Protein backbone atom coordinates (compact mmCIF):
# COMPACT_ATOMS: atom_id res chain seq x y z
CA MET A 1 29.40 33.97 15.28
CA ASP A 2 31.34 31.57 13.09
CA ARG A 3 28.64 30.39 10.65
CA VAL A 4 29.26 27.48 8.25
CA ARG A 5 27.34 25.39 5.71
CA ALA A 6 27.80 21.67 5.06
CA HIS A 7 26.26 19.83 2.10
CA VAL A 8 26.18 16.15 3.05
CA MET A 9 25.46 12.95 1.11
CA ILE A 10 24.91 9.78 3.15
CA SER A 11 25.05 6.30 1.59
CA GLY A 12 24.10 2.90 2.97
CA GLN A 13 20.85 1.63 4.44
CA VAL A 14 19.61 5.13 5.14
CA GLN A 15 16.11 5.13 3.71
CA GLY A 16 13.16 3.50 5.46
CA VAL A 17 14.84 3.86 8.88
CA ASN A 18 13.58 7.36 9.81
CA PHE A 19 16.91 8.95 8.93
CA ARG A 20 15.23 12.17 7.75
CA ALA A 21 13.04 12.52 10.84
CA TYR A 22 15.95 11.92 13.23
CA THR A 23 18.13 14.34 11.26
CA ARG A 24 15.42 17.00 11.49
CA ASP A 25 15.08 16.45 15.24
CA GLN A 26 18.86 16.60 15.79
CA ALA A 27 19.15 19.78 13.70
CA ARG A 28 16.29 21.54 15.44
CA GLN A 29 17.72 20.69 18.88
CA ALA A 30 21.03 22.20 17.76
CA SER A 31 19.32 25.30 16.24
CA VAL A 32 20.77 24.47 12.83
CA GLU A 33 18.94 25.53 9.66
CA GLY A 34 18.62 23.63 6.39
CA TRP A 35 16.92 20.54 5.03
CA VAL A 36 17.13 16.80 4.44
CA ARG A 37 15.68 14.59 1.69
CA ASN A 38 15.79 11.10 0.19
CA LEU A 39 17.32 10.70 -3.26
CA SER A 40 16.10 8.26 -5.88
CA ASP A 41 19.43 6.39 -5.80
CA GLY A 42 18.94 5.40 -2.13
CA ARG A 43 21.11 8.09 -0.55
CA VAL A 44 20.07 10.84 1.84
CA GLU A 45 21.09 14.43 1.12
CA ALA A 46 21.21 17.19 3.74
CA VAL A 47 22.27 20.80 4.10
CA PHE A 48 23.22 22.09 7.54
CA GLU A 49 23.83 25.79 8.16
CA GLY A 50 24.56 27.43 11.48
CA PRO A 51 27.24 27.79 14.14
CA ARG A 52 30.38 25.80 13.30
CA SER A 53 30.31 23.60 16.42
CA ALA A 54 26.64 22.65 15.94
CA VAL A 55 27.07 21.87 12.24
CA GLN A 56 30.17 19.78 12.96
CA ARG A 57 28.23 17.78 15.57
CA LEU A 58 25.46 17.08 13.02
CA VAL A 59 27.94 16.02 10.37
CA SER A 60 29.56 13.66 12.90
CA TRP A 61 26.14 12.27 13.81
CA CYS A 62 25.53 11.42 10.13
CA TYR A 63 28.32 8.82 10.29
CA SER A 64 26.13 6.66 12.54
CA GLY A 65 22.59 8.02 12.10
CA PRO A 66 19.59 6.53 13.88
CA THR A 67 19.59 3.07 15.44
CA HIS A 68 18.38 1.06 12.41
CA ALA A 69 20.53 2.84 9.82
CA ARG A 70 23.71 1.41 8.34
CA VAL A 71 25.91 4.21 7.08
CA ASP A 72 28.52 3.13 4.55
CA ARG A 73 29.77 6.51 3.36
CA VAL A 74 29.40 10.20 4.16
CA GLU A 75 30.52 12.86 1.70
CA VAL A 76 30.79 16.40 3.06
CA ASN A 77 31.26 19.55 1.00
CA TRP A 78 31.84 22.72 2.99
CA GLU A 79 30.24 25.71 1.29
CA GLU A 80 29.83 29.40 1.95
CA PRO A 81 26.77 29.99 4.16
CA THR A 82 23.89 31.65 2.31
CA GLY A 83 21.81 32.81 5.27
CA GLN A 84 18.73 31.80 3.27
CA GLU A 85 17.84 28.53 4.99
CA GLY A 86 14.86 28.57 7.30
CA SER A 87 13.84 26.27 10.09
CA PHE A 88 15.20 22.79 9.43
CA GLY A 89 12.76 20.68 7.42
CA ILE A 90 12.25 17.55 5.38
CA LEU A 91 11.99 18.05 1.61
CA TRP A 92 9.82 15.65 -0.36
C-alpha cells in the first residue's frame, strides 16, 4: 500500500462552520487516520495519513470544506508517514 501523510493548514472562514466535524466524518469514511483542530489565529490544522488516493481526496476536499465555510488558502506539506496516528479525531 502506498501510504502518505499530509499536514494541512486551511485559512478563511473555517471556524464556527463545523469544519472540524465534517473533516472528521470525511476522514473516517475514507479510513484515513490523523486529527484536526482549530488554531488561535482562525485557521484549521489537520494531519491526514493513509492510502495516497484517500489522502489526496481529503486534501482536495479541504479547498471547499463544508457548505458554510469560505476557504481562502490551503497549505499542504507532504511528510513521511509515521504510522502512529490512530482513528481520526478532533483535538481541542
